[in-house]
Protein backbone atom coordinates (compact mmCIF):
# COMPACT_ATOMS: atom_id res chain seq x y z
CA UNK A 1 -9.02 31.60 1.70
CA UNK A 2 -6.11 29.51 0.48
CA UNK A 3 -6.25 26.29 -1.24
CA UNK A 4 -4.54 24.64 1.53
CA UNK A 5 -7.32 26.10 4.11
CA UNK A 6 -9.95 24.94 1.64
CA UNK A 7 -8.87 21.43 1.42
CA UNK A 8 -7.28 21.26 5.00
CA UNK A 9 -3.79 19.80 5.26
CA UNK A 10 -2.07 17.57 3.30
CA UNK A 11 -1.56 14.09 4.64
CA UNK A 12 1.82 12.93 4.96
CA UNK A 13 2.04 9.22 3.81
CA UNK A 14 3.94 8.42 7.61
CA UNK A 15 -0.03 9.12 8.22
CA UNK A 16 -1.42 7.18 6.04
CA UNK A 17 -2.13 3.16 6.71
CA UNK A 18 -2.78 0.88 3.98
CA UNK A 19 -4.61 -2.01 4.77
CA UNK A 20 -5.90 -4.91 2.38
CA UNK A 21 -8.46 -7.19 3.15
CA UNK A 22 -10.31 -9.95 1.45
CA UNK A 23 -14.33 -10.97 1.02
CA UNK A 24 -13.79 -14.69 0.35
CA UNK A 25 -17.36 -16.15 -0.55
CA UNK A 26 -18.16 -19.60 -0.76
CA UNK A 27 -19.95 -21.61 -3.17
CA UNK A 28 -23.54 -21.10 -0.68
CA UNK A 29 -22.64 -16.88 -1.70
CA UNK A 30 -21.66 -16.43 2.33
CA UNK A 31 -18.55 -14.25 3.48
CA UNK A 32 -16.20 -15.33 5.84
CA UNK A 33 -15.25 -12.81 8.63
CA UNK A 34 -13.36 -13.19 11.53
CA UNK A 35 -13.77 -11.63 15.05
CA UNK A 36 -10.96 -9.82 16.30
CA UNK A 37 -9.03 -11.47 19.76
CA UNK A 38 -8.86 -9.91 22.99
CA UNK A 39 -5.98 -7.72 23.82
CA UNK A 40 -6.18 -6.15 20.35
CA UNK A 41 -7.59 -3.04 19.41
CA UNK A 42 -11.17 -3.17 18.66
CA UNK A 43 -10.67 -6.57 20.07
CA UNK A 44 -14.27 -8.74 19.83
CA UNK A 45 -15.41 -6.48 16.42
CA UNK A 46 -16.17 -8.91 13.44
CA UNK A 47 -13.92 -7.65 10.05
CA UNK A 48 -12.77 -9.25 6.99
CA UNK A 49 -9.22 -11.02 6.92
CA UNK A 50 -6.19 -8.71 6.11
CA UNK A 51 -3.99 -6.65 7.23
CA UNK A 52 -1.45 -3.66 7.14
CA UNK A 53 0.70 -3.56 3.55
CA UNK A 54 4.33 -3.87 4.48
CA UNK A 55 6.78 -1.11 2.96
CA UNK A 56 7.49 -2.29 -0.51
CA UNK A 57 4.77 -4.93 -0.77
CA UNK A 58 1.97 -4.68 -3.21
CA UNK A 59 -1.66 -5.16 -2.04
CA UNK A 60 -1.81 -8.30 -3.68
CA UNK A 61 1.34 -9.83 -1.72
CA UNK A 62 0.32 -8.07 1.00
CA UNK A 63 -3.26 -10.01 1.25
CA UNK A 64 -1.52 -13.30 -0.10
CA UNK A 65 0.73 -13.31 3.11
CA UNK A 66 -2.15 -11.79 5.57
CA UNK A 67 -4.64 -14.60 4.44
CA UNK A 68 -1.69 -17.74 4.95
CA UNK A 69 -0.94 -15.67 8.23
CA UNK A 70 -4.65 -15.43 9.42
CA UNK A 71 -6.37 -18.11 7.88
CA UNK A 72 -3.37 -21.23 7.19
CA UNK A 73 -4.81 -20.70 3.05
CA UNK A 74 -2.06 -20.15 0.16
CA UNK A 75 -4.13 -18.46 -2.27
CA UNK A 76 -2.73 -17.35 -5.82
CA UNK A 77 -2.81 -13.57 -6.68
CA UNK A 78 -4.60 -14.08 -10.13
CA UNK A 79 -7.96 -15.62 -8.03
CA UNK A 80 -7.90 -11.77 -6.06
CA UNK A 81 -10.91 -9.34 -7.67
CA UNK A 82 -10.51 -5.62 -6.60
CA UNK A 83 -13.65 -4.48 -5.70
CA UNK A 84 -13.93 -1.68 -3.24
CA UNK A 85 -12.03 0.79 -0.78
CA UNK A 86 -13.06 2.53 2.07
CA UNK A 87 -11.52 5.90 3.71
CA UNK A 88 -11.83 6.42 7.52
CA UNK A 89 -10.10 8.77 9.83
CA UNK A 90 -8.26 7.33 12.76
CA UNK A 91 -7.28 10.47 14.74
CA UNK A 92 -4.16 11.12 13.92
CA UNK A 93 -4.15 8.50 11.30
CA UNK A 94 -6.40 7.79 8.00
CA UNK A 95 -6.88 4.33 7.11
CA UNK A 96 -6.96 3.20 3.61
CA UNK A 97 -8.56 -0.24 2.88
CA UNK A 98 -8.55 -1.86 -0.09
CA UNK A 99 -11.21 -4.68 -0.15
CA UNK A 100 -11.12 -7.54 -2.43
CA UNK A 101 -12.98 -10.69 -3.42
CA UNK A 102 -12.00 -14.09 -3.55
CA UNK A 103 -13.99 -16.85 -4.20
CA UNK A 104 -11.43 -19.62 -5.18
CA UNK A 105 -8.74 -20.72 -2.46
CA UNK A 106 -7.23 -24.34 -1.83
CA UNK A 107 -8.00 -25.99 1.67
CA UNK A 108 -10.72 -24.82 4.88
CA UNK A 109 -9.68 -21.48 6.57
CA UNK A 110 -8.88 -21.97 10.03
CA UNK A 111 -9.05 -18.99 12.92
CA UNK A 112 -4.89 -18.73 13.86
CA UNK A 113 -5.16 -15.22 14.84
CA UNK A 114 -9.02 -14.59 15.38
CA UNK A 115 -11.38 -15.52 18.20
CA UNK A 116 -13.71 -17.14 15.58
CA UNK A 117 -14.37 -17.57 12.16
CA UNK A 118 -18.13 -17.02 10.80
CA UNK A 119 -19.56 -17.53 7.43
CA UNK A 120 -22.73 -15.19 6.97
CA UNK A 121 -24.85 -14.17 4.06
CA UNK A 122 -24.16 -10.15 3.15
CA UNK A 123 -27.36 -8.96 4.45
CA UNK A 124 -26.52 -10.80 8.03
CA UNK A 125 -23.28 -8.30 8.24
CA UNK A 126 -25.49 -5.32 8.91
CA UNK A 127 -26.25 -6.72 12.61
CA UNK A 128 -22.67 -7.96 13.81
CA UNK A 129 -20.42 -5.16 15.53
CA UNK A 130 -17.58 -4.12 12.56
CA UNK A 131 -15.16 -1.60 12.70
CA UNK A 132 -16.39 1.46 11.04
CA UNK A 133 -14.20 1.14 8.01
CA UNK A 134 -15.53 -2.23 7.12
CA UNK A 135 -19.33 -1.25 7.34
CA UNK A 136 -19.32 0.68 4.34
CA UNK A 137 -18.34 -2.42 2.23
CA UNK A 138 -21.74 -4.33 3.08
CA UNK A 139 -23.34 -3.10 0.53
CA UNK A 140 -21.13 -3.50 -2.44
CA UNK A 141 -20.98 -7.34 -1.23
CA UNK A 142 -24.68 -7.67 -1.08
CA UNK A 143 -24.62 -6.20 -4.98
CA UNK A 144 -22.27 -8.66 -5.82
CA UNK A 145 -23.58 -12.10 -4.12
């Protein structure tokens, strides 16, 4: 058996979707999640704010951009702490989700592209309908908070 047969076919760069998200943690140890709006893939599911990394963009710059677009907050990337990643197959594509923890930000997040925002304790996240890539990240948040 060849290495290719053993390991499977290699993933092409164009098939890999790089996504970045943030676990905003408030002073009470709660995490911010947002609900995906109707009309979007996975509508109604709860997720950590973030989005796709554009070509040539660093994960931190992408997260800074996404949090400004989605929540209306302008963060300092020095406040982002890399935490964990998730790897999830999405049919013919593969998602690599990088989660950062953020404990300091200016202003009050508002749902600019989401149906709703909620602050939840990490243990409560298990009860929410979340995308498959987000679910494995909950355990780390429970350990951190």
